[in-house]
Protein backbone atom coordinates (compact mmCIF):
# COMPACT_ATOMS: atom_id res chain seq x y z
CA UNK A 1 81.81 68.89 189.83
CA UNK A 2 85.07 68.76 187.88
CA UNK A 3 87.43 71.65 188.45
CA UNK A 4 88.72 72.30 184.93
CA UNK A 5 91.51 74.50 186.17
CA UNK A 6 93.11 71.54 187.90
CA UNK A 7 93.12 69.43 184.75
CA UNK A 8 96.23 69.28 182.58
CA UNK A 9 96.09 69.53 178.80
CA UNK A 10 95.78 65.81 178.16
CA UNK A 11 92.97 65.51 180.66
CA UNK A 12 91.20 68.46 179.10
CA UNK A 13 91.52 66.84 175.67
CA UNK A 14 90.05 63.63 176.93
CA UNK A 15 87.20 65.60 178.49
CA UNK A 16 86.73 67.48 175.22
CA UNK A 17 86.48 64.26 173.27
CA UNK A 18 83.75 63.01 175.57
CA UNK A 19 81.80 66.26 175.66
CA UNK A 20 82.52 67.28 172.08
CA UNK A 21 80.20 64.81 170.43
CA UNK A 22 77.36 65.68 172.72
CA UNK A 23 77.80 69.44 172.33
CA UNK A 24 78.26 69.10 168.55
CA UNK A 25 74.95 67.27 168.28
CA UNK A 26 73.20 70.40 169.55
CA UNK A 27 74.07 72.28 166.39
CA UNK A 28 71.26 73.33 164.04
CA UNK A 29 70.88 73.55 160.25
CA UNK A 30 73.68 71.17 159.53
CA UNK A 31 76.26 72.40 162.06
CA UNK A 32 77.89 69.22 163.47
CA UNK A 33 81.47 70.26 164.24
CA UNK A 34 83.24 72.11 167.04
CA UNK A 35 86.44 73.99 166.28
CA UNK A 36 88.94 76.53 167.57
CA UNK A 37 89.00 79.60 165.28
CA UNK A 38 90.69 83.00 165.38
CA UNK A 39 89.06 86.37 164.50
CA UNK A 40 90.24 86.13 160.90
CA UNK A 41 88.72 82.69 160.48
CA UNK A 42 85.53 83.96 162.08
CA UNK A 43 85.28 86.80 159.56
CA UNK A 44 86.08 84.37 156.75
CA UNK A 45 83.14 82.13 157.73
CA UNK A 46 80.77 85.09 157.94
CA UNK A 47 82.06 86.46 154.63
CA UNK A 48 81.22 83.16 152.95
CA UNK A 49 77.67 83.05 154.23
CA UNK A 50 77.98 81.90 157.86
CA UNK A 51 75.25 83.26 160.16
CA UNK A 52 77.49 84.30 163.07
CA UNK A 53 74.61 83.93 165.55
CA UNK A 54 74.47 82.26 169.03
CA UNK A 55 73.18 78.76 169.46
CA UNK A 56 70.29 79.08 171.94
CA UNK A 57 70.89 75.70 173.56
CA UNK A 58 74.70 75.71 173.87
CA UNK A 59 75.29 79.48 173.99
CA UNK A 60 78.14 79.05 171.49
CA UNK A 61 78.55 80.97 168.21
CA UNK A 62 77.21 79.17 165.17
CA UNK A 63 77.96 79.73 161.47
CA UNK A 64 75.45 77.66 159.59
CA UNK A 65 74.44 78.66 156.07
CA UNK A 66 77.94 79.30 154.78
CA UNK A 67 77.54 77.59 151.41
CA UNK A 68 75.35 74.77 152.78
CA UNK A 69 71.84 74.14 154.00
CA UNK A 70 70.33 76.85 151.82
CA UNK A 71 68.91 77.14 148.36
CA UNK A 72 71.53 79.50 146.91
CA UNK A 73 72.95 78.39 143.52
CA UNK A 74 76.50 77.12 143.21
CA UNK A 75 78.96 79.76 141.98
CA UNK A 76 82.69 79.56 141.27
CA UNK A 77 84.87 82.65 140.82
CA UNK A 78 88.48 82.33 139.72
CA UNK A 79 90.98 85.21 139.48
CA UNK A 80 94.16 84.64 137.49
CA UNK A 81 96.79 87.36 137.47
CA UNK A 82 100.41 87.72 136.56
CA UNK A 83 103.02 87.97 139.24
CA UNK A 84 103.17 91.55 140.54
CA UNK A 85 106.51 92.49 138.92
CA UNK A 86 105.60 91.04 135.52
CA UNK A 87 102.09 92.48 135.58
CA UNK A 88 103.40 95.97 136.31
CA UNK A 89 105.84 95.81 133.42
CA UNK A 90 103.16 94.62 130.99
CA UNK A 91 100.70 97.28 132.13
CA UNK A 92 103.42 99.90 131.70
CA UNK A 93 104.06 98.61 128.17
CA UNK A 94 100.34 98.84 127.37
CA UNK A 95 100.22 102.44 128.66
CA UNK A 96 103.24 103.39 126.59
CA UNK A 97 101.76 101.72 123.49
CA UNK A 98 98.44 103.52 123.98
CA UNK A 99 100.20 106.86 124.30
CA UNK A 100 102.33 106.14 121.24
CA UNK A 101 99.27 105.13 119.22
CA UNK A 102 97.68 108.51 119.97
CA UNK A 103 100.67 110.35 118.48
CA UNK A 104 100.12 111.01 114.74
CA UNK A 105 102.79 109.69 112.39
CA UNK A 106 104.22 112.12 109.88
CA UNK A 107 103.96 110.14 106.65
CA UNK A 108 106.43 111.59 104.10
CA UNK A 109 104.99 112.72 100.79
CA UNK A 110 105.60 110.51 97.76
CA UNK A 111 107.89 112.47 95.42
CA UNK A 112 108.60 111.90 91.74
CA UNK A 113 111.77 112.91 89.95
CA UNK A 114 111.13 115.41 87.17
CA UNK A 115 112.69 115.49 83.73
CA UNK A 116 116.40 116.20 83.72
CA UNK A 117 118.32 118.63 81.53
CA UNK A 118 119.26 115.93 79.01
CA UNK A 119 115.65 114.78 78.62
CA UNK A 120 114.52 118.38 78.21
CA UNK A 121 117.14 118.86 75.53
CA UNK A 122 116.04 115.68 73.78
CA UNK A 123 112.40 116.78 73.84
CA UNK A 124 113.38 120.19 72.46
CA UNK A 125 115.36 118.63 69.63
CA UNK A 126 112.55 116.23 68.82
CA UNK A 127 110.33 119.23 68.17
CA UNK A 128 112.65 120.38 65.39
CA UNK A 129 111.24 118.81 62.23
CA UNK A 130 112.65 118.71 58.75
CA UNK A 131 116.23 117.98 59.74
CA UNK A 132 118.02 117.22 56.46
CA UNK A 133 115.07 118.45 54.40
CA UNK A 134 117.10 121.27 52.81
CA UNK A 135 119.75 118.81 51.71
CA UNK A 136 117.14 116.46 50.29
CA UNK A 137 115.45 119.34 48.45
CA UNK A 138 118.76 120.40 46.97
CA UNK A 139 119.30 116.86 45.77
CA UNK A 140 115.83 116.73 44.21
CA UNK A 141 116.36 120.05 42.46
CA UNK A 142 119.74 118.97 41.13
CA UNK A 143 118.31 115.72 39.85
CA UNK A 144 115.50 117.58 38.13
CA UNK A 145 117.96 119.95 36.46
CA UNK A 146 120.24 117.11 35.44
CA UNK A 147 117.35 115.14 34.01
CA UNK A 148 116.54 117.92 31.51
CA UNK A 149 117.60 117.24 27.86
CA UNK A 150 121.05 118.53 26.91
CA UNK A 151 120.62 121.63 24.74
CA UNK A 152 122.80 124.10 22.93
CA UNK A 153 123.20 126.20 26.02
CA UNK A 154 124.63 123.26 27.96
CA UNK A 155 126.88 122.23 25.01
CA UNK A 156 128.14 125.78 24.42
CA UNK A 157 129.36 125.81 28.00
CA UNK A 158 131.85 123.09 27.09
CA UNK A 159 132.90 124.22 23.59
CA UNK A 160 136.62 124.91 23.21
CA UNK A 161 137.04 128.66 23.36
CA UNK A 162 140.01 128.27 20.99
CA UNK A 163 137.95 126.45 18.35
CA UNK A 164 137.79 129.58 16.22
CA UNK A 165 141.56 129.76 16.10
CA UNK A 166 141.65 126.20 14.78
CA UNK A 167 139.05 127.03 12.12
CA UNK A 168 140.77 130.23 11.13
CA UNK A 169 144.08 128.46 10.81
CA UNK A 170 142.52 125.83 8.53
CA UNK A 171 141.03 128.63 6.42
CA UNK A 172 144.36 130.46 6.30
CA UNK A 173 146.18 127.32 5.23
CA UNK A 174 143.56 126.72 2.53
CA UNK A 175 143.90 130.27 1.26
CA UNK A 176 147.65 129.92 1.09
CA UNK A 177 147.30 126.78 -0.98
CA UNK A 178 144.85 128.50 -3.27
CA UNK A 179 147.31 131.37 -3.80
CA UNK A 180 150.02 128.86 -4.58
CA UNK A 181 147.82 127.13 -7.17
CA UNK A 182 147.05 130.44 -8.79
CA UNK A 183 150.74 131.31 -8.91
CA UNK A 184 151.60 128.01 -10.49
CA UNK A 185 148.84 128.48 -13.03
CA UNK A 186 150.20 131.93 -14.00
CA UNK A 187 153.66 130.53 -14.37
CA UNK A 188 152.46 127.76 -16.66
CA UNK A 189 150.11 130.00 -18.61
CA UNK A 190 147.10 128.10 -17.41
CA UNK A 191 145.70 130.76 -15.11
CA UNK A 192 141.96 130.86 -15.41
CA UNK A 193 141.90 127.53 -17.17
CA UNK A 194 139.72 124.63 -16.34
CA UNK A 195 142.43 122.71 -14.68
CA UNK A 196 143.13 125.53 -12.27
CA UNK A 197 139.44 125.81 -11.46
CA UNK A 198 139.23 122.13 -10.65
CA UNK A 199 142.22 122.37 -8.38
CA UNK A 200 140.88 125.44 -6.64
CA UNK A 201 137.52 123.75 -6.06
CA UNK A 202 139.13 120.61 -4.73
CA UNK A 203 141.35 122.62 -2.38
CA UNK A 204 138.42 124.63 -1.12
CA UNK A 205 136.45 121.43 -0.50
CA UNK A 206 139.30 119.94 1.50
CA UNK A 207 139.61 123.18 3.46
CA UNK A 208 135.92 123.27 4.33
CA UNK A 209 135.95 119.57 5.19
CA UNK A 210 138.86 120.10 7.57
CA UNK A 211 137.06 123.02 9.18
CA UNK A 212 133.88 120.91 9.49
CA UNK A 213 135.72 118.01 11.04
CA UNK A 214 137.39 120.35 13.55
CA UNK A 215 134.03 121.87 14.49
CA UNK A 216 132.40 118.43 14.71
CA UNK A 217 135.17 117.19 16.94
CA UNK A 218 134.76 120.22 19.20
CA UNK A 219 130.97 119.73 19.32
CA UNK A 220 131.33 116.04 20.12
CA UNK A 221 133.75 116.84 22.90
CA UNK A 222 131.44 119.52 24.30
CA UNK A 223 128.40 117.22 24.06
CA UNK A 224 130.26 114.47 25.92
CA UNK A 225 131.30 116.91 28.57
CA UNK A 226 127.70 118.18 28.95
CA UNK A 227 126.33 114.65 29.17
CA UNK A 228 128.96 113.71 31.71
CA UNK A 229 128.04 116.73 33.75
CA UNK A 230 124.42 115.62 33.54
CA UNK A 231 125.34 112.21 34.98
CA UNK A 232 127.41 113.84 37.69
CA UNK A 233 124.47 116.07 38.53
CA UNK A 234 122.15 113.06 38.83
CA UNK A 235 124.59 111.25 41.08
CA UNK A 236 125.14 114.38 43.14
CA UNK A 237 121.39 114.80 43.61
CA UNK A 238 121.04 111.21 44.76
CA UNK A 239 123.96 111.68 47.13
CA UNK A 240 122.35 114.81 48.56
CA UNK A 241 119.16 112.84 49.18
CA UNK A 242 121.13 110.17 51.02
CA UNK A 243 122.95 112.80 53.06
CA UNK A 244 119.65 114.44 54.00
CA UNK A 245 118.30 111.10 55.18
CA UNK A 246 121.51 110.48 57.11
CA UNK A 247 121.15 113.88 58.77
CA UNK A 248 117.65 112.91 59.90
CA UNK A 249 118.89 109.60 61.28
CA UNK A 250 121.75 111.28 63.10
CA UNK A 251 119.39 113.79 64.67
CA UNK A 252 117.07 110.98 65.79
CA UNK A 253 120.03 109.05 67.19
CA UNK A 254 121.08 112.13 69.16
CA UNK A 255 117.56 112.46 70.56
CA UNK A 256 117.51 108.78 71.55
CA UNK A 257 120.85 109.10 73.32
CA UNK A 258 119.73 112.24 75.15
CA UNK A 259 116.47 110.59 76.27
CA UNK A 260 118.28 107.40 77.37
CA UNK A 261 120.93 109.27 79.36
CA UNK A 262 118.31 111.61 80.83
CA UNK A 263 116.09 108.65 81.70
CA UNK A 264 118.98 107.04 83.57
CA UNK A 265 119.59 110.26 85.49
CA UNK A 266 115.89 110.51 86.34
CA UNK A 267 115.83 106.86 87.48
CA UNK A 268 118.78 107.45 89.80
CA UNK A 269 117.11 110.59 91.15
CA UNK A 270 113.87 108.67 91.77
CA UNK A 271 115.78 105.96 93.60
CA UNK A 272 117.33 108.61 95.83
CA UNK A 273 113.89 110.09 96.59
CA UNK A 274 112.45 106.64 97.34
CA UNK A 275 115.37 105.80 99.61
CA UNK A 276 114.92 109.08 101.48
CA UNK A 277 111.21 108.43 101.96
CA UNK A 278 111.84 104.86 103.11
CA UNK A 279 114.37 106.13 105.63
CA UNK A 280 111.87 108.64 107.00
CA UNK A 281 109.22 105.93 107.25
CA UNK A 282 111.59 103.64 109.14
CA UNK A 283 112.42 106.45 111.53
CA UNK A 284 108.72 107.17 112.07
CA UNK A 285 107.90 103.51 112.82
CA UNK A 286 111.07 102.76 114.80
CA UNK A 287 109.31 103.31 118.19
CA UNK A 288 106.66 100.77 117.18
CA UNK A 289 109.36 98.26 116.30
CA UNK A 290 110.96 98.71 119.72
CA UNK A 291 107.53 98.28 121.29
CA UNK A 292 107.04 95.05 119.32
CA UNK A 293 110.48 93.85 120.39
CA UNK A 294 109.68 94.38 124.08
CA UNK A 295 106.28 92.72 123.67
CA UNK A 296 107.91 89.66 122.07
CA UNK A 297 110.39 89.49 124.94
CA UNK A 298 107.55 89.50 127.46
CA UNK A 299 105.67 86.88 125.44
CA UNK A 300 108.71 84.58 125.14
CA UNK A 301 109.89 85.05 128.73
CA UNK A 302 108.83 82.97 131.74
CA UNK A 303 105.42 83.68 133.22
CA UNK A 304 104.31 83.43 136.83
CA UNK A 305 100.58 83.45 137.46
CA UNK A 306 98.62 83.22 140.70
CA UNK A 307 95.05 81.89 140.89
CA UNK A 308 92.43 82.46 143.60
CA UNK A 309 89.30 80.28 143.45
CA UNK A 310 86.16 80.92 145.50
CA UNK A 311 83.32 78.40 145.41
CA UNK A 312 79.88 78.47 147.03
CA UNK A 313 77.99 75.17 146.74
CA UNK A 314 74.42 74.60 148.00
CA UNK A 315 73.98 71.52 150.15
CA UNK A 316 71.09 69.49 151.54
CA UNK A 317 72.71 68.09 154.64
CA UNK A 318 75.49 70.45 155.73
CA UNK A 319 78.07 73.07 154.88
CA UNK A 320 81.03 71.34 153.16
CA UNK A 321 83.13 74.48 153.30
CA UNK A 322 82.38 75.03 156.98
CA UNK A 323 82.97 71.34 157.65
CA UNK A 324 86.33 71.41 155.90
CA UNK A 325 87.29 74.63 157.64
CA UNK A 326 86.07 73.30 160.98
CA UNK A 327 88.04 70.09 160.64
CA UNK A 328 91.19 71.96 159.64
CA UNK A 329 90.81 74.58 162.32
CA UNK A 330 89.99 71.96 164.96
CA UNK A 331 93.13 70.02 164.14
CA UNK A 332 95.16 73.23 164.18
CA UNK A 333 93.68 74.19 167.59
CA UNK A 334 94.40 70.76 169.07
CA UNK A 335 98.00 70.94 167.83
CA UNK A 336 98.34 74.41 169.34
CA UNK A 337 96.98 73.29 172.69
CA UNK A 338 99.47 70.46 172.85
CA UNK A 339 102.39 72.78 172.16
CA UNK A 340 101.39 75.96 174.09
CA UNK A 341 102.06 76.52 177.79
CA UNK A 342 99.25 76.16 180.27
CA UNK A 343 98.84 79.90 180.76
CA UNK A 344 98.18 80.50 176.99
CA UNK A 345 95.06 82.41 175.90
CA UNK A 346 91.99 80.25 176.17
CA UNK A 347 90.68 78.89 172.92
CA UNK A 348 87.36 79.92 171.63
CA UNK A 349 84.82 77.12 171.43
CA UNK A 350 82.38 77.23 168.56
CA UNK A 351 79.84 74.91 167.14
């Protein structure tokens, strides 16, 4: 009988190689490998479907069924997460955004600028109708009066008030001449004769003619003056009509200027109200803009993700996962045995 305690590590390895194949062939349900494993690796095999029972023939633990030899379907689970520091920052940003979204935003009321003082004045003046109507009516009345035929009353207004003096003087001069003719007739002894009568009649005719011409000249002058006044009245009436129309236009121009200046004031006031509302809106949404800025920084910055993949694959002739783990663990155990001192903890033999 071989005393194992007296064997060195190399001799034990050689013995293991010879006995390993024979012991491995005693495995059941696809177990064909022997390996050194630690408690963590043992739990890992059981967690992934290994039986963890004892082989009845070898007395060694066996872990068949871990992803092989059964009829379970193949499943693959993959977990992808950000690096811890980045993930915490992004989750904090999401919490802050959710809290901010629950806070109502005070939307400022839309305001409109009312009519200014100038526009009110313009509207008040526009309600005053008939501007210049009195002047136009005066012009119409004057034209109507001037268009009436010139009568004695109009002519008498322009007769020379001294016309009677002229007529009286002509009559006095005629009387003096008649007295002179009578005196001459007395002196010549022909007073009351036919010759004297002819002379007296002729003198009287000339006197009356002179008085008639003087009166006719005064009438003609008065008529011309009345007619001229009639023309002046017509022109004055037309001018009053034009002035009335000009008054209306001036009033309308004043209203237009008041409305234009008032409209400009109202426009400037509306711009001030709009600017104030826009400022309040920007202040209300400023936290969201900062949140968007931070989100864009996270999106544009470097990312560090870790992935964990777990796969369970059914097999007809063995457990690939257990085989891979067994091969890796066996190699690791062999390396450890070659580099550990002789009094190291004994390795655990498994299937």
